[in-house]
Amino acid sequence: MTASFASLAPSAGRRILALRLPLLSIDRVRRKGSPAGQPADAPLVAVARIDNALRIVALDERATAAGLARRMALASARAIHPVLAVVEADPAADAALLERIADWCDRFTPLVALDPPSGLLLDVTGAAHLAGGERPLLDRVRAGLTAQGFHVQAALAGTAAAARALAAFADGTIAAPGREAEAVAGLPVGALGLDAETAGGLSRAGLKTIGAVAERTRHELAARFGAGLLARLDEALGRGERPITPRLPVPDYTAERRFAEPVATEDIIRDTLAGLAATLAGMMERRAEGARRVEASFFRADGAVRRLAVETGRPTRDPALLDRLFRERLEALADPLDPGFGFDLIRLAALRADPLDPAPATFDGREQEEGDVAALADRLAARLGPRRVLRFLPQDSHVPEASERLAPAQRSAAAPGWPTAAEPGEPPRRPLRLFSRPEPVEAIAEVPDGPPVRFVWRRAVHRVMRAEGPERIAMEWWRSTEGLPTRDYFRVEDQDGRRFWLYRDGIYGRETAAPRWYVQGLFG
């Protein structure tokens, strides 16, 4: 089955699927097997140092059944249940695992947001029909995570706050659109995620449920508990909305193909990418746009996700070009694409699309030549990486070493060109090859301000047969507080026909009594 989305921006009538993994830390340890040196059948707890004491921050069902609780001191827990399996809490590992779970959830929607420390929010607006409806979608997500060894609670509603509250206190609930207030009315006020002071104040006022709080007047609630409570309440009741922040950039265009049976053969994978590229091209053609960055996502049946991206110097919607770039990218992988037990979903997304304006054709073929160079840069970047394919760009400076800079070739396709020669066929006044740093030479000149007649460079003596110049270049005093000397550049040719670009650093008698000479580039 192939699905495509021309626009993935959230729309009215949003539907949010909230996932809560209450035993994330414990599940992470269990998936690796029993902790080394710990009893296999003992209650498992994770501890961290809090208030100068080891306290429980996560515990499994057996530990809860034994009477243990979060923030309990480990010494007190062992007094209640002497035999415990104890591991040190690792928040960084938990966060990394939550990221991997979010990667797996991307197969259902690209709009996945983290809800730390152990939750996720999925914007499934307009995507539930791909799974057969909201209930099949919720059940499928829950079953997939359970099969991977996670305890999961899930709920679906029109706002993130309502979905989050239902997931925590009414697992499996699907609130009908516009009926969030009814769905959350019976939940405890703790479902609002309030601070301890506000929650305690509501409890002392006899307001135990969200419905009871909603029955009080807004003026009364604001006067006693502040506007923050009203905002949380409105979000939970579906009256207000706080947009979620997807963890990954929202693509401009997306096309995907799901497989009833996971695929692993290279030919099927490449054919699928080619077909998805054609689908993307058709979508972009309708809006006169072309892709600049395209990402392929491969979702493995075991939950792992691999992503590969290619960039183009110019907007394109040529399926053949995208197919060729991904082939180059796949062939150049140092870590080959491992299908494992196979991919059950392959997605192609245009992360960046720009207007595609057809350039006017030129009679001299210059446009075709530039297009060929751009296509070559795209292929090299796909194989070597975009940061390894560079080009020189002119800069607004007459100082040679500051007159150009290196930039990624693909991102500088529309950069201004180099100045052309004043007369056709005129030889270059500056060499194409410049040294990273000018190299000192020992030079002898007939007159102080004239060209050299002989110079020594790299221990070799060069006699000057011809010389042109000088080209006087004053340093850019407005960019430096140092008094940099003026340079006089000469193009010289030695007895063997080799041509050099030398300069004298400083004007004799005005700036220095002993000017120094440097060679900065070579002609030919």
Protein backbone atom coordinates (compact mmCIF):
# COMPACT_ATOMS: atom_id res chain seq x y z
CA MET A 1 0.00 0.00 0.00
CA THR A 2 1.32 3.42 -0.99
CA ALA A 3 0.28 6.63 0.73
CA SER A 4 1.24 10.19 -0.06
CA PHE A 5 0.74 13.49 1.72
CA ALA A 6 1.12 16.79 -0.11
CA SER A 7 1.00 18.74 3.14
CA LEU A 8 1.58 17.56 6.66
CA ALA A 9 0.81 20.73 8.57
CA PRO A 10 -1.58 20.24 11.50
CA SER A 11 -5.13 21.25 10.69
CA ALA A 12 -8.37 21.92 12.53
CA GLY A 13 -9.89 18.96 14.30
CA ARG A 14 -6.57 17.66 15.51
CA ARG A 15 -6.27 14.21 16.99
CA ILE A 16 -3.47 13.47 19.43
CA LEU A 17 -2.39 9.99 20.50
CA ALA A 18 -0.61 10.10 23.86
CA LEU A 19 1.70 7.27 24.89
CA ARG A 20 2.94 6.80 28.43
CA LEU A 21 5.63 4.28 29.33
CA PRO A 22 5.42 4.17 33.14
CA LEU A 23 8.14 1.52 33.53
CA LEU A 24 10.57 2.83 30.92
CA SER A 25 13.66 2.51 33.15
CA ILE A 26 12.66 -0.96 34.32
CA ASP A 27 11.78 -2.13 30.81
CA ARG A 28 15.15 -0.92 29.54
CA VAL A 29 16.95 -3.08 32.09
CA ARG A 30 14.71 -6.09 31.57
CA ARG A 31 15.16 -6.09 27.80
CA LYS A 32 18.86 -6.71 28.40
CA GLY A 33 18.16 -9.65 30.73
CA SER A 34 18.54 -9.95 34.47
CA PRO A 35 21.10 -7.56 36.02
CA ALA A 36 24.44 -9.27 36.56
CA GLY A 37 24.85 -10.62 40.08
CA GLN A 38 21.21 -9.86 41.00
CA PRO A 39 18.49 -12.41 41.87
CA ALA A 40 16.49 -13.15 38.73
CA ASP A 41 13.09 -13.38 40.46
CA ALA A 42 13.56 -10.49 42.94
CA PRO A 43 11.66 -7.21 42.69
CA LEU A 44 13.61 -4.77 40.51
CA VAL A 45 14.20 -1.15 41.51
CA ALA A 46 16.28 1.67 40.05
CA VAL A 47 17.87 4.06 42.53
CA ALA A 48 19.51 7.48 42.44
CA ARG A 49 21.11 9.68 45.07
CA ILE A 50 18.52 12.23 46.22
CA ASP A 51 18.89 14.40 49.33
CA ASN A 52 22.14 12.59 50.19
CA ALA A 53 20.46 9.19 50.22
CA LEU A 54 19.83 6.40 47.72
CA ARG A 55 16.16 6.52 46.84
CA ILE A 56 13.93 4.57 44.49
CA VAL A 57 13.12 6.39 41.25
CA ALA A 58 11.61 3.44 39.34
CA LEU A 59 10.27 0.05 40.35
CA ASP A 60 8.52 -2.92 38.76
CA GLU A 61 5.13 -4.48 39.57
CA ARG A 62 6.55 -6.93 42.10
CA ALA A 63 8.21 -4.12 44.03
CA THR A 64 4.95 -2.15 44.02
CA ALA A 65 3.04 -5.22 45.24
CA ALA A 66 5.57 -5.61 48.06
CA GLY A 67 4.71 -2.14 49.37
CA LEU A 68 7.60 -0.17 47.94
CA ALA A 69 7.13 3.25 46.37
CA ARG A 70 9.00 5.99 44.51
CA ARG A 71 11.31 8.26 46.55
CA MET A 72 11.48 5.63 49.30
CA ALA A 73 14.97 5.26 50.75
CA LEU A 74 16.70 2.08 49.63
CA ALA A 75 17.48 1.18 53.25
CA SER A 76 13.78 1.41 54.13
CA ALA A 77 12.87 -0.64 51.06
CA ARG A 78 15.28 -3.41 52.09
CA ALA A 79 13.79 -3.38 55.55
CA ILE A 80 10.40 -4.16 53.95
CA HIS A 81 11.73 -6.62 51.35
CA PRO A 82 15.33 -7.76 52.03
CA VAL A 83 15.86 -9.41 48.63
CA LEU A 84 15.87 -6.74 45.91
CA ALA A 85 17.47 -6.45 42.50
CA VAL A 86 18.95 -2.94 42.47
CA VAL A 87 20.29 -1.02 39.47
CA GLU A 88 21.53 2.54 39.22
CA ALA A 89 19.22 4.94 37.40
CA ASP A 90 20.50 6.16 34.03
CA PRO A 91 18.42 9.13 32.77
CA ALA A 92 20.60 9.52 29.66
CA ALA A 93 20.00 5.91 28.63
CA ASP A 94 16.27 6.34 29.28
CA ALA A 95 16.19 9.46 27.09
CA ALA A 96 18.05 7.68 24.30
CA LEU A 97 15.61 4.76 24.49
CA LEU A 98 12.67 7.16 24.33
CA GLU A 99 14.20 8.63 21.16
CA ARG A 100 14.42 5.16 19.61
CA ILE A 101 10.80 4.47 20.51
CA ALA A 102 9.89 7.79 18.88
CA ASP A 103 11.75 6.63 15.76
CA TRP A 104 9.57 3.53 15.69
CA CYS A 105 6.43 5.65 16.11
CA ASP A 106 7.38 7.70 13.04
CA ARG A 107 5.88 4.89 10.95
CA PHE A 108 2.41 6.03 12.04
CA THR A 109 2.91 9.77 11.59
CA PRO A 110 5.90 12.06 11.03
CA LEU A 111 4.52 14.41 13.72
CA VAL A 112 5.95 12.78 16.84
CA ALA A 113 6.89 14.86 19.89
CA LEU A 114 8.75 13.83 23.02
CA ASP A 115 6.86 14.18 26.30
CA PRO A 116 9.65 13.61 28.86
CA PRO A 117 10.50 11.78 30.91
CA SER A 118 8.58 8.76 29.63
CA GLY A 119 5.91 9.87 27.19
CA LEU A 120 5.28 10.56 23.52
CA LEU A 121 2.67 12.59 21.66
CA LEU A 122 1.65 11.62 18.14
CA ASP A 123 -0.38 13.96 15.96
CA VAL A 124 -2.43 11.43 13.96
CA THR A 125 -4.73 13.97 12.35
CA GLY A 126 -5.77 12.55 9.00
CA ALA A 127 -3.55 9.48 9.43
CA ALA A 128 -5.79 7.10 11.40
CA HIS A 129 -7.55 5.86 8.26
CA LEU A 130 -4.29 4.26 7.10
CA ALA A 131 -4.62 1.82 10.01
CA GLY A 132 -8.36 1.29 9.58
CA GLY A 133 -9.51 3.86 12.14
CA GLU A 134 -8.55 5.30 15.50
CA ARG A 135 -9.22 2.17 17.56
CA PRO A 136 -7.19 -0.13 15.26
CA LEU A 137 -4.42 2.49 15.23
CA LEU A 138 -4.29 2.71 19.04
CA ASP A 139 -4.36 -1.08 19.38
CA ARG A 140 -1.63 -1.47 16.77
CA VAL A 141 0.68 1.00 18.49
CA ARG A 142 0.10 -0.62 21.86
CA ALA A 143 0.62 -4.14 20.52
CA GLY A 144 3.82 -3.14 18.73
CA LEU A 145 5.38 -1.60 21.83
CA THR A 146 4.22 -4.45 24.06
CA ALA A 147 5.85 -6.94 21.69
CA GLN A 148 9.12 -5.03 22.13
CA GLY A 149 8.94 -5.50 25.91
CA PHE A 150 7.47 -2.19 27.04
CA HIS A 151 4.61 -1.43 29.38
CA VAL A 152 2.50 1.17 27.61
CA GLN A 153 -0.60 3.22 28.30
CA ALA A 154 -2.33 5.03 25.46
CA ALA A 155 -5.27 7.33 24.82
CA LEU A 156 -6.50 9.50 21.98
CA ALA A 157 -8.18 12.92 22.16
CA GLY A 158 -8.38 16.30 20.47
CA THR A 159 -5.70 17.98 22.61
CA ALA A 160 -2.39 16.84 24.00
CA ALA A 161 -3.40 17.62 27.60
CA ALA A 162 -6.59 15.57 27.37
CA ALA A 163 -4.84 12.65 25.69
CA ARG A 164 -2.04 12.72 28.26
CA ALA A 165 -4.47 12.75 31.19
CA LEU A 166 -6.54 9.90 29.76
CA ALA A 167 -3.45 7.80 29.04
CA ALA A 168 -2.32 8.11 32.66
CA PHE A 169 -5.70 7.55 34.37
CA ALA A 170 -8.03 5.95 31.77
CA ASP A 171 -5.81 3.76 29.64
CA GLY A 172 -7.24 2.90 26.23
CA THR A 173 -9.79 5.72 26.11
CA ILE A 174 -10.61 7.40 22.80
CA ALA A 175 -12.40 10.71 23.36
CA ALA A 176 -14.75 11.55 20.52
CA PRO A 177 -14.03 14.87 18.79
CA GLY A 178 -15.40 17.70 20.88
CA ARG A 179 -16.22 15.39 23.82
CA GLU A 180 -12.98 15.76 25.77
CA ALA A 181 -14.74 17.48 28.69
CA GLU A 182 -16.97 14.45 29.25
CA ALA A 183 -14.06 12.03 28.92
CA VAL A 184 -11.86 13.71 31.53
CA ALA A 185 -14.56 14.84 33.97
CA GLY A 186 -14.13 11.86 36.29
CA LEU A 187 -10.32 11.94 36.35
CA PRO A 188 -8.50 13.12 39.50
CA VAL A 189 -7.06 16.62 39.49
CA GLY A 190 -3.61 15.05 39.40
CA ALA A 191 -4.25 14.34 35.72
CA LEU A 192 -3.87 18.06 35.02
CA GLY A 193 -0.15 17.90 35.82
CA LEU A 194 -0.31 20.69 38.39
CA ASP A 195 2.37 21.63 40.87
CA ALA A 196 2.09 20.19 44.36
CA GLU A 197 0.91 23.46 45.94
CA THR A 198 -1.97 23.95 43.49
CA ALA A 199 -2.97 20.29 43.65
CA GLY A 200 -2.96 20.46 47.46
CA GLY A 201 -5.05 23.61 47.44
CA LEU A 202 -7.68 21.99 45.20
CA SER A 203 -7.78 18.96 47.46
CA ARG A 204 -8.30 21.07 50.58
CA ALA A 205 -11.11 22.87 48.76
CA GLY A 206 -12.81 19.53 48.19
CA LEU A 207 -12.21 19.55 44.44
CA LYS A 208 -11.11 15.99 43.76
CA THR A 209 -11.91 15.58 40.04
CA ILE A 210 -11.45 17.63 36.90
CA GLY A 211 -15.21 17.82 36.51
CA ALA A 212 -15.58 19.30 39.97
CA VAL A 213 -12.97 21.95 39.17
CA ALA A 214 -14.68 22.74 35.85
CA GLU A 215 -17.97 23.43 37.65
CA ARG A 216 -16.49 26.34 39.58
CA THR A 217 -16.50 29.79 38.04
CA ARG A 218 -13.39 30.91 36.17
CA HIS A 219 -13.16 34.07 38.24
CA GLU A 220 -13.09 32.07 41.45
CA LEU A 221 -10.43 29.67 40.17
CA ALA A 222 -8.24 32.44 38.77
CA ALA A 223 -8.46 34.49 41.97
CA ARG A 224 -7.44 31.58 44.19
CA PHE A 225 -5.14 29.46 42.01
CA GLY A 226 -3.95 31.73 39.20
CA ALA A 227 -4.32 31.78 35.43
CA GLY A 228 -2.05 28.73 35.03
CA LEU A 229 -4.77 26.45 36.38
CA LEU A 230 -7.29 27.85 33.89
CA ALA A 231 -4.93 27.22 30.98
CA ARG A 232 -4.32 23.61 32.05
CA LEU A 233 -8.03 23.10 32.60
CA ASP A 234 -9.00 24.51 29.21
CA GLU A 235 -6.49 22.24 27.44
CA ALA A 236 -7.77 19.16 29.26
CA LEU A 237 -11.40 20.03 28.50
CA GLY A 238 -10.65 20.59 24.82
CA ARG A 239 -11.36 24.32 24.99
CA GLY A 240 -7.77 25.42 24.46
CA GLU A 241 -4.86 23.95 22.58
CA ARG A 242 -1.10 24.00 22.96
CA PRO A 243 0.57 22.75 19.76
CA ILE A 244 3.07 19.95 20.08
CA THR A 245 6.62 20.38 18.82
CA PRO A 246 7.65 17.53 16.49
CA ARG A 247 11.12 16.22 17.23
CA LEU A 248 11.99 16.06 13.51
CA PRO A 249 11.43 18.70 10.81
CA VAL A 250 8.03 18.42 9.20
CA PRO A 251 8.56 17.45 5.54
CA ASP A 252 6.98 19.45 2.74
CA TYR A 253 5.97 16.29 0.87
CA THR A 254 5.85 12.65 1.88
CA ALA A 255 5.21 9.39 0.08
CA GLU A 256 5.43 5.95 1.67
CA ARG A 257 4.82 2.31 0.96
CA ARG A 258 3.80 -0.29 3.51
CA PHE A 259 4.39 -3.98 2.98
CA ALA A 260 2.14 -6.77 4.14
CA GLU A 261 5.28 -8.90 4.50
CA PRO A 262 8.67 -7.31 5.33
CA VAL A 263 11.01 -6.97 2.35
CA ALA A 264 14.77 -7.39 2.44
CA THR A 265 16.00 -7.76 -1.14
CA GLU A 266 18.05 -4.93 -2.61
CA ASP A 267 16.10 -4.88 -5.90
CA ILE A 268 12.75 -4.39 -4.16
CA ILE A 269 14.17 -1.63 -1.97
CA ARG A 270 15.58 0.26 -4.97
CA ASP A 271 12.42 -0.22 -7.03
CA THR A 272 10.37 1.08 -4.11
CA LEU A 273 12.53 4.19 -3.82
CA ALA A 274 12.20 4.80 -7.56
CA GLY A 275 8.41 4.50 -7.35
CA LEU A 276 8.20 6.82 -4.36
CA ALA A 277 10.41 9.35 -6.15
CA ALA A 278 7.96 9.36 -9.05
CA THR A 279 5.09 9.90 -6.61
CA LEU A 280 6.89 12.83 -4.99
CA ALA A 281 7.62 14.31 -8.41
CA GLY A 282 3.92 14.27 -9.31
CA MET A 283 2.98 15.97 -6.04
CA MET A 284 5.60 18.69 -6.46
CA GLU A 285 4.69 19.25 -10.10
CA ARG A 286 1.18 20.29 -9.10
CA ARG A 287 2.67 23.09 -6.99
CA ALA A 288 5.52 23.99 -9.37
CA GLU A 289 8.13 23.09 -6.74
CA GLY A 290 11.24 20.97 -6.63
CA ALA A 291 13.08 19.20 -3.83
CA ARG A 292 16.41 20.37 -2.42
CA ARG A 293 16.75 17.77 0.35
CA VAL A 294 15.11 14.34 0.24
CA GLU A 295 15.23 11.77 3.03
CA ALA A 296 14.51 8.06 2.79
CA SER A 297 13.41 6.29 5.99
CA PHE A 298 13.58 2.50 6.30
CA PHE A 299 11.48 1.03 9.12
CA ARG A 300 12.56 -2.46 10.13
CA ALA A 301 10.14 -5.04 11.43
CA ASP A 302 12.04 -5.20 14.74
CA GLY A 303 11.54 -1.46 15.36
CA ALA A 304 14.90 -0.11 14.19
CA VAL A 305 14.87 2.85 11.79
CA ARG A 306 17.55 3.90 9.31
CA ARG A 307 17.50 7.24 7.52
CA LEU A 308 19.45 8.39 4.47
CA ALA A 309 19.32 11.86 2.92
CA VAL A 310 20.52 13.38 -0.33
CA GLU A 311 20.71 17.03 -1.36
CA THR A 312 20.60 18.78 -4.69
CA GLY A 313 22.15 22.08 -5.68
CA ARG A 314 18.99 23.13 -7.53
CA PRO A 315 15.33 22.30 -6.95
CA THR A 316 14.44 19.15 -8.84
CA ARG A 317 11.54 16.81 -9.32
CA ASP A 318 13.31 14.49 -11.71
CA PRO A 319 12.63 10.92 -10.44
CA ALA A 320 15.59 9.56 -12.40
CA LEU A 321 17.95 12.03 -10.72
CA LEU A 322 16.65 11.23 -7.24
CA ASP A 323 16.90 7.51 -7.95
CA ARG A 324 20.49 7.90 -9.16
CA LEU A 325 21.47 9.95 -6.10
CA PHE A 326 20.04 7.36 -3.70
CA ARG A 327 21.85 4.59 -5.56
CA GLU A 328 25.09 6.52 -5.13
CA ARG A 329 24.29 7.04 -1.45
CA LEU A 330 23.51 3.37 -0.84
CA GLU A 331 26.64 2.18 -2.63
CA ALA A 332 28.86 4.57 -0.65
CA LEU A 333 27.62 3.55 2.82
CA ALA A 334 30.43 2.55 5.15
CA ASP A 335 27.78 0.82 7.26
CA PRO A 336 25.60 -1.04 4.72
CA LEU A 337 21.85 -0.89 5.02
CA ASP A 338 20.94 -3.89 7.17
CA PRO A 339 17.33 -5.00 6.60
CA GLY A 340 17.42 -7.46 9.53
CA PHE A 341 14.13 -9.34 9.32
CA GLY A 342 13.01 -6.93 6.60
CA PHE A 343 11.47 -3.49 6.17
CA ASP A 344 7.72 -3.18 6.60
CA LEU A 345 7.63 0.52 5.65
CA ILE A 346 9.75 2.70 3.36
CA ARG A 347 9.11 6.44 3.29
CA LEU A 348 10.48 9.15 1.04
CA ALA A 349 10.10 12.74 2.22
CA ALA A 350 11.04 16.07 0.67
CA LEU A 351 12.34 17.89 3.75
CA ARG A 352 12.92 21.05 1.76
CA ALA A 353 11.15 22.14 -1.43
CA ASP A 354 11.66 25.41 -3.31
CA PRO A 355 9.86 26.96 -6.27
CA LEU A 356 11.07 25.45 -9.52
CA ASP A 357 11.47 28.25 -12.05
CA PRO A 358 12.61 27.01 -15.46
CA ALA A 359 15.78 28.86 -16.42
CA PRO A 360 15.81 30.41 -19.88
CA ALA A 361 17.82 28.49 -22.44
CA THR A 362 20.97 30.13 -23.83
CA PHE A 363 22.32 29.78 -27.35
CA ASP A 364 25.88 29.18 -26.18
CA GLY A 365 24.94 26.14 -24.09
CA ARG A 366 26.10 27.73 -20.85
CA GLU A 367 22.93 26.73 -19.00
CA GLN A 368 23.39 23.09 -20.04
CA GLU A 369 27.03 23.21 -18.92
CA GLU A 370 26.09 24.63 -15.53
CA GLY A 371 23.37 22.00 -15.19
CA ASP A 372 25.88 19.25 -15.88
CA VAL A 373 28.26 20.63 -13.26
CA ALA A 374 25.42 20.85 -10.73
CA ALA A 375 24.41 17.25 -11.47
CA LEU A 376 28.03 16.13 -11.01
CA ALA A 377 28.21 17.96 -7.66
CA ASP A 378 25.00 16.24 -6.55
CA ARG A 379 26.36 12.79 -7.38
CA LEU A 380 29.70 13.44 -5.69
CA ALA A 381 27.94 14.82 -2.60
CA ALA A 382 25.68 11.77 -2.43
CA ARG A 383 28.73 9.49 -2.45
CA LEU A 384 31.24 11.53 -0.43
CA GLY A 385 29.02 13.79 1.67
CA PRO A 386 27.93 17.39 1.01
CA ARG A 387 30.67 18.88 3.20
CA ARG A 388 33.38 17.20 1.12
CA VAL A 389 32.35 18.69 -2.21
CA LEU A 390 33.25 22.37 -2.18
CA ARG A 391 33.61 25.26 -4.57
CA PHE A 392 35.23 28.67 -4.42
CA LEU A 393 32.93 31.69 -4.23
CA PRO A 394 34.03 35.27 -4.94
CA GLN A 395 34.06 37.73 -2.07
CA ASP A 396 33.85 41.50 -2.07
CA SER A 397 37.54 42.08 -1.36
CA HIS A 398 40.52 43.01 -3.51
CA VAL A 399 42.99 41.37 -1.08
CA PRO A 400 43.93 38.07 -2.80
CA GLU A 401 43.65 35.76 0.20
CA ALA A 402 40.27 37.27 1.14
CA SER A 403 38.77 37.42 -2.36
CA GLU A 404 37.24 33.94 -2.24
CA ARG A 405 35.95 31.38 0.22
CA LEU A 406 35.10 27.68 0.17
CA ALA A 407 31.46 26.66 0.44
CA PRO A 408 29.46 23.47 -0.20
CA ALA A 409 29.04 23.20 -3.95
CA GLN A 410 25.36 22.29 -3.77
CA ARG A 411 24.32 25.18 -1.55
CA SER A 412 26.10 27.78 -3.66
CA ALA A 413 24.60 27.00 -7.05
CA ALA A 414 22.93 30.42 -7.21
CA ALA A 415 25.97 32.35 -5.98
CA PRO A 416 27.31 35.27 -8.02
CA GLY A 417 29.85 34.35 -10.66
CA TRP A 418 33.46 35.38 -11.02
CA PRO A 419 34.31 38.61 -12.86
CA THR A 420 35.14 38.06 -16.51
CA ALA A 421 38.18 39.36 -18.37
CA ALA A 422 38.03 42.88 -19.73
CA GLU A 423 38.96 41.67 -23.25
CA PRO A 424 38.20 38.28 -24.83
CA GLY A 425 41.24 36.03 -24.74
CA GLU A 426 43.04 38.16 -22.16
CA PRO A 427 45.24 36.01 -19.91
CA PRO A 428 44.36 35.91 -16.22
CA ARG A 429 45.89 38.71 -14.19
CA ARG A 430 45.95 36.49 -11.11
CA PRO A 431 46.90 32.82 -10.87
CA LEU A 432 44.30 30.15 -10.29
CA ARG A 433 46.57 28.49 -7.75
CA LEU A 434 47.27 30.50 -4.60
CA PHE A 435 49.24 29.29 -1.62
CA SER A 436 47.39 29.06 1.68
CA ARG A 437 50.08 31.37 3.05
CA PRO A 438 52.47 33.55 1.02
CA GLU A 439 55.98 32.07 1.11
CA PRO A 440 59.00 34.36 1.70
CA VAL A 441 61.65 34.73 -0.99
CA GLU A 442 65.00 36.51 -1.22
CA ALA A 443 64.79 38.96 -4.12
CA ILE A 444 67.10 41.48 -5.75
CA ALA A 445 65.67 44.43 -7.71
CA GLU A 446 67.53 46.96 -9.88
CA VAL A 447 65.58 49.86 -8.38
CA PRO A 448 63.79 49.93 -5.02
CA ASP A 449 60.30 50.13 -6.55
CA GLY A 450 60.97 47.97 -9.62
CA PRO A 451 60.41 44.27 -10.32
CA PRO A 452 62.92 41.68 -9.11
CA VAL A 453 65.72 40.57 -11.43
CA ARG A 454 66.54 37.48 -9.39
CA PHE A 455 64.97 35.67 -6.44
CA VAL A 456 65.57 32.55 -4.36
CA TRP A 457 62.57 30.43 -3.47
CA ARG A 458 62.75 27.03 -1.76
CA ARG A 459 66.57 27.09 -2.13
CA ALA A 460 66.33 27.42 -5.91
CA VAL A 461 67.63 30.48 -7.80
CA HIS A 462 65.33 31.98 -10.44
CA ARG A 463 66.46 34.63 -12.92
CA VAL A 464 63.66 36.89 -14.08
CA MET A 465 63.42 37.11 -17.86
CA ARG A 466 60.12 39.00 -18.12
CA ALA A 467 58.07 40.97 -15.61
CA GLU A 468 54.73 42.81 -15.56
CA GLY A 469 53.55 45.20 -12.91
CA PRO A 470 53.24 46.52 -10.41
CA GLU A 471 49.63 46.03 -9.34
CA ARG A 472 49.42 48.02 -6.13
CA ILE A 473 47.02 46.75 -3.47
CA ALA A 474 46.46 48.65 -0.23
CA MET A 475 45.34 46.61 2.73
CA GLU A 476 41.79 47.06 4.05
CA TRP A 477 42.48 49.36 6.97
CA TRP A 478 38.79 49.47 7.94
CA ARG A 479 38.85 45.74 8.73
CA SER A 480 42.02 45.71 10.82
CA THR A 481 43.43 47.94 13.54
CA GLU A 482 46.99 47.01 12.53
CA GLY A 483 48.88 49.19 10.06
CA LEU A 484 49.34 46.65 7.29
CA PRO A 485 51.81 47.62 4.55
CA THR A 486 50.89 48.15 0.90
CA ARG A 487 51.68 45.38 -1.58
CA ASP A 488 53.11 45.70 -5.09
CA TYR A 489 52.37 42.57 -7.15
CA PHE A 490 54.40 41.43 -10.19
CA ARG A 491 53.86 38.68 -12.73
CA VAL A 492 57.31 37.30 -13.56
CA GLU A 493 58.71 34.55 -15.77
CA ASP A 494 62.04 32.83 -15.03
CA GLN A 495 64.67 31.34 -17.33
CA ASP A 496 62.78 28.04 -17.58
CA GLY A 497 59.46 29.62 -18.57
CA ARG A 498 57.82 29.20 -15.18
CA ARG A 499 55.56 32.07 -14.14
CA PHE A 500 55.19 33.36 -10.57
CA TRP A 501 53.09 35.91 -8.77
CA LEU A 502 55.28 37.83 -6.35
CA TYR A 503 54.71 40.90 -4.26
CA ARG A 504 56.82 43.37 -2.37
CA ASP A 505 55.47 43.97 1.13
CA GLY A 506 55.69 47.68 1.90
CA ILE A 507 56.58 50.82 -0.09
CA TYR A 508 60.30 51.62 0.07
CA GLY A 509 61.08 54.80 1.95
CA ARG A 510 57.46 55.51 2.91
CA GLU A 511 56.43 52.41 4.87
CA THR A 512 59.71 50.53 5.35
CA ALA A 513 63.42 50.80 4.68
CA ALA A 514 63.76 47.09 3.82
CA PRO A 515 60.72 45.68 1.96
CA ARG A 516 60.27 41.93 2.08
CA TRP A 517 59.28 39.76 -0.89
CA TYR A 518 56.80 36.88 -1.05
CA VAL A 519 55.53 34.49 -3.70
CA GLN A 520 51.76 33.96 -3.41
CA GLY A 521 50.83 31.89 -6.45
CA LEU A 522 51.86 30.13 -9.62
CA PHE A 523 50.58 30.52 -13.18
CA GLY A 524 50.02 27.38 -15.22
